C-alpha atoms as a PDB file:
ATOM      1  CA  UNK A   1       0.292  -2.880   6.222  1.00  0.00           C
ATOM      2  CA  UNK A   2       0.488  -6.637   5.103  1.00  0.00           C
ATOM      3  CA  UNK A   3       3.034  -8.490   3.312  1.00  0.00           C
ATOM      4  CA  UNK A   4       1.822 -11.717   1.548  1.00  0.00           C
ATOM      5  CA  UNK A   5       3.072 -14.109  -1.433  1.00  0.00           C
ATOM      6  CA  UNK A   6       1.119 -13.914  -4.613  1.00  0.00           C
ATOM      7  CA  UNK A   7       1.082 -15.418  -8.073  1.00  0.00           C
ATOM      8  CA  UNK A   8       0.773 -13.201 -11.073  1.00  0.00           C
ATOM      9  CA  UNK A   9       0.026 -14.530 -14.382  1.00  0.00           C
ATOM     10  CA  UNK A  10      -0.694 -12.169 -17.325  1.00  0.00           C
ATOM     11  CA  UNK A  11      -1.332  -8.389 -16.704  1.00  0.00           C
ATOM     12  CA  UNK A  12       0.090  -7.020 -13.437  1.00  0.00           C
ATOM     13  CA  UNK A  13      -2.311  -4.210 -13.484  1.00  0.00           C
ATOM     14  CA  UNK A  14      -5.251  -6.676 -13.848  1.00  0.00           C
ATOM     15  CA  UNK A  15      -4.028  -8.790 -11.166  1.00  0.00           C
ATOM     16  CA  UNK A  16      -3.315  -5.987  -8.689  1.00  0.00           C
ATOM     17  CA  UNK A  17      -6.783  -4.504  -9.364  1.00  0.00           C
ATOM     18  CA  UNK A  18      -8.482  -7.713  -8.625  1.00  0.00           C
ATOM     19  CA  UNK A  19      -6.378  -8.210  -5.470  1.00  0.00           C
ATOM     20  CA  UNK A  20      -7.254  -4.741  -4.207  1.00  0.00           C
ATOM     21  CA  UNK A  21     -10.960  -5.110  -4.922  1.00  0.00           C
ATOM     22  CA  UNK A  22     -10.867  -8.292  -2.848  1.00  0.00           C
ATOM     23  CA  UNK A  23      -9.030  -6.716  -0.114  1.00  0.00           C
ATOM     24  CA  UNK A  24     -10.371  -3.052   0.067  1.00  0.00           C
ATOM     25  CA  UNK A  25     -13.498  -2.770  -2.142  1.00  0.00           C
ATOM     26  CA  UNK A  26     -14.170  -1.466  -5.634  1.00  0.00           C
ATOM     27  CA  UNK A  27     -11.396  -0.102  -7.348  1.00  0.00           C
ATOM     28  CA  UNK A  28     -12.182   3.477  -8.844  1.00  0.00           C
ATOM     29  CA  UNK A  29      -8.761   3.711 -10.591  1.00  0.00           C
ATOM     30  CA  UNK A  30      -5.337   2.105 -10.379  1.00  0.00           C
ATOM     31  CA  UNK A  31      -2.024   2.603 -11.890  1.00  0.00           C
ATOM     32  CA  UNK A  32       0.891   0.253 -11.677  1.00  0.00           C
ATOM     33  CA  UNK A  33       4.376   0.988 -12.967  1.00  0.00           C
ATOM     34  CA  UNK A  34       7.807  -0.721 -13.069  1.00  0.00           C
ATOM     35  CA  UNK A  35      10.496   0.473 -10.921  1.00  0.00           C
ATOM     36  CA  UNK A  36      14.054  -0.051 -10.154  1.00  0.00           C
ATOM     37  CA  UNK A  37      13.666   1.487  -6.608  1.00  0.00           C
ATOM     38  CA  UNK A  38      15.049  -0.740  -3.978  1.00  0.00           C
ATOM     39  CA  UNK A  39      14.150  -4.488  -4.676  1.00  0.00           C
ATOM     40  CA  UNK A  40      10.707  -3.623  -6.128  1.00  0.00           C
ATOM     41  CA  UNK A  41       9.744  -4.929  -9.512  1.00  0.00           C
ATOM     42  CA  UNK A  42       6.624  -2.679  -9.557  1.00  0.00           C
ATOM     43  CA  UNK A  43       4.852   0.155  -7.590  1.00  0.00           C
ATOM     44  CA  UNK A  44       1.151   0.934  -7.788  1.00  0.00           C
ATOM     45  CA  UNK A  45      -1.537   3.406  -6.502  1.00  0.00           C
ATOM     46  CA  UNK A  46      -5.165   2.837  -6.429  1.00  0.00           C
ATOM     47  CA  UNK A  47      -8.306   4.822  -5.523  1.00  0.00           C
ATOM     48  CA  UNK A  48     -10.681   2.463  -3.580  1.00  0.00           C
ATOM     49  CA  UNK A  49     -14.193   2.924  -2.865  1.00  0.00           C
ATOM     50  CA  UNK A  50     -15.160   2.482   0.987  1.00  0.00           C
ATOM     51  CA  UNK A  51     -18.907   1.756   0.579  1.00  0.00           C
ATOM     52  CA  UNK A  52     -19.340   1.696   4.181  1.00  0.00           C
ATOM     53  CA  UNK A  53     -17.937   5.130   4.907  1.00  0.00           C
ATOM     54  CA  UNK A  54     -19.177   6.513   1.622  1.00  0.00           C
ATOM     55  CA  UNK A  55     -15.490   7.532   0.665  1.00  0.00           C
ATOM     56  CA  UNK A  56     -12.685   7.006  -1.813  1.00  0.00           C
ATOM     57  CA  UNK A  57      -9.373   6.224  -0.125  1.00  0.00           C
ATOM     58  CA  UNK A  58      -5.670   5.462  -1.327  1.00  0.00           C
ATOM     59  CA  UNK A  59      -3.860   2.370  -1.401  1.00  0.00           C
ATOM     60  CA  UNK A  60      -0.093   1.903  -2.152  1.00  0.00           C
ATOM     61  CA  UNK A  61       1.081  -1.289  -3.643  1.00  0.00           C
ATOM     62  CA  UNK A  62       4.671  -2.417  -3.677  1.00  0.00           C
ATOM     63  CA  UNK A  63       5.548  -5.618  -5.572  1.00  0.00           C
ATOM     64  CA  UNK A  64       8.873  -7.379  -5.222  1.00  0.00           C
ATOM     65  CA  UNK A  65       9.939 -10.683  -7.185  1.00  0.00           C
ATOM     66  CA  UNK A  66      10.010 -13.635  -5.202  1.00  0.00           C
ATOM     67  CA  UNK A  67      12.213 -16.162  -7.503  1.00  0.00           C
ATOM     68  CA  UNK A  68      12.811 -18.763  -4.812  1.00  0.00           C
ATOM     69  CA  UNK A  69       8.969 -19.414  -4.863  1.00  0.00           C
ATOM     70  CA  UNK A  70       8.698 -19.619  -8.718  1.00  0.00           C
ATOM     71  CA  UNK A  71       8.906 -17.323 -11.923  1.00  0.00           C
ATOM     72  CA  UNK A  72       5.319 -15.852 -11.403  1.00  0.00           C
ATOM     73  CA  UNK A  73       5.687 -15.565  -7.554  1.00  0.00           C
ATOM     74  CA  UNK A  74       5.933 -12.029  -5.943  1.00  0.00           C
ATOM     75  CA  UNK A  75       5.641 -10.689  -2.614  1.00  0.00           C
ATOM     76  CA  UNK A  76       3.172  -7.982  -2.149  1.00  0.00           C
ATOM     77  CA  UNK A  77       3.191  -4.982   0.495  1.00  0.00           C
ATOM     78  CA  UNK A  78       0.030  -2.892   0.704  1.00  0.00           C
ATOM     79  CA  UNK A  79      -0.460   0.426   2.806  1.00  0.00           C
ATOM     80  CA  UNK A  80      -3.353   2.713   3.139  1.00  0.00           C
ATOM     81  CA  UNK A  81      -2.752   6.280   2.872  1.00  0.00           C
ATOM     82  CA  UNK A  82      -3.605   6.641   6.551  1.00  0.00           C
ATOM     83  CA  UNK A  83      -0.384   4.678   7.451  1.00  0.00           C
ATOM     84  CA  UNK A  84       1.779   7.475   5.933  1.00  0.00           C
ATOM     85  CA  UNK A  85       3.415   5.679   2.883  1.00  0.00           C
ATOM     86  CA  UNK A  86       7.120   6.535   1.986  1.00  0.00           C
ATOM     87  CA  UNK A  87       6.150   6.094  -1.697  1.00  0.00           C
ATOM     88  CA  UNK A  88       4.944   9.412  -2.982  1.00  0.00           C
ATOM     89  CA  UNK A  89       4.826   9.235  -6.664  1.00  0.00           C
ATOM     90  CA  UNK A  90       0.760   8.805  -6.852  1.00  0.00           C
ATOM     91  CA  UNK A  91      -0.547  10.216 -10.119  1.00  0.00           C
ATOM     92  CA  UNK A  92      -2.692  13.526  -9.510  1.00  0.00           C
ATOM     93  CA  UNK A  93      -5.678  11.603 -11.534  1.00  0.00           C
ATOM     94  CA  UNK A  94      -5.828   9.210  -8.500  1.00  0.00           C
ATOM     95  CA  UNK A  95      -5.406  11.978  -5.964  1.00  0.00           C
ATOM     96  CA  UNK A  96      -8.072  13.919  -7.636  1.00  0.00           C
ATOM     97  CA  UNK A  97     -10.688  11.016  -7.000  1.00  0.00           C
ATOM     98  CA  UNK A  98      -9.976  10.983  -3.337  1.00  0.00           C
ATOM     99  CA  UNK A  99     -12.601  11.936  -0.688  1.00  0.00           C
ATOM    100  CA  UNK A 100     -11.568  14.850   1.663  1.00  0.00           C
ATOM    101  CA  UNK A 101      -9.878  13.567   5.041  1.00  0.00           C
ATOM    102  CA  UNK A 102      -8.807  15.073   8.259  1.00  0.00           C
ATOM    103  CA  UNK A 103      -6.262  12.230   8.659  1.00  0.00           C
ATOM    104  CA  UNK A 104      -2.744  13.959   9.313  1.00  0.00           C
ATOM    105  CA  UNK A 105      -0.700  11.233   7.846  1.00  0.00           C
ATOM    106  CA  UNK A 106      -3.094  10.944   4.737  1.00  0.00           C
ATOM    107  CA  UNK A 107      -3.050  14.597   4.449  1.00  0.00           C
ATOM    108  CA  UNK A 108       0.802  14.772   4.619  1.00  0.00           C
ATOM    109  CA  UNK A 109       1.112  11.961   2.079  1.00  0.00           C
ATOM    110  CA  UNK A 110      -1.161  13.677  -0.279  1.00  0.00           C
ATOM    111  CA  UNK A 111       0.728  16.735  -0.040  1.00  0.00           C
ATOM    112  CA  UNK A 112       4.029  15.114  -0.831  1.00  0.00           C
ATOM    113  CA  UNK A 113       2.425  13.311  -3.952  1.00  0.00           C
ATOM    114  CA  UNK A 114       1.168  16.611  -5.271  1.00  0.00           C
ATOM    115  CA  UNK A 115       4.868  18.301  -4.666  1.00  0.00           C
ATOM    116  CA  UNK A 116       6.287  15.385  -6.402  1.00  0.00           C
ATOM    117  CA  UNK A 117       3.945  15.709  -9.419  1.00  0.00           C
ATOM    118  CA  UNK A 118       4.750  19.487  -9.536  1.00  0.00           C
ATOM    119  CA  UNK A 119       8.428  18.689  -9.423  1.00  0.00           C
ATOM    120  CA  UNK A 120       8.256  16.238 -12.304  1.00  0.00           C
ATOM    121  CA  UNK A 121       6.273  18.835 -14.445  1.00  0.00           C
ATOM    122  CA  UNK A 122       8.733  21.598 -13.569  1.00  0.00           C
ATOM    123  CA  UNK A 123      11.691  19.252 -14.522  1.00  0.00           C
ATOM    124  CA  UNK A 124       9.683  18.522 -17.635  1.00  0.00           C
ATOM    125  CA  UNK A 125       9.258  21.933 -18.546  1.00  0.00           C
ATOM    126  CA  UNK A 126      12.937  22.836 -17.760  1.00  0.00           C
ATOM    127  CA  UNK A 127      14.059  19.897 -20.086  1.00  0.00           C
ATOM    128  CA  UNK A 128      11.939  21.073 -22.993  1.00  0.00           C
ATOM    129  CA  UNK A 129      13.207  24.595 -22.743  1.00  0.00           C
ATOM    130  CA  UNK A 130      16.740  23.486 -22.334  1.00  0.00           C
END
């Protein structure tokens, strides 16, 4: 996991897609969303092609405002799924793009993400029926 200062001008999703592509490889899909969780301004999930291994793997992005450095300045933490990210709201469409893995931490993270998605679906259905 790394943490670095970045500048974002324009679209958050486009900026993060370009950053992920430079660091990890071709981005197959990405989703960024705003959040009020902790100090984070946005959280994102990306499916990234690992051309060397011939696989598609997940990366979690956590973006935090850094107002001391300027209005367009942020701190970015990234974490590969094999590092066992805590954030587990990865969209199922991105999970569906990932290659099979035997990595225990990645498998646990994927399972938690699918459990979260199922819970959101259950809560949505409950709210519609209420």
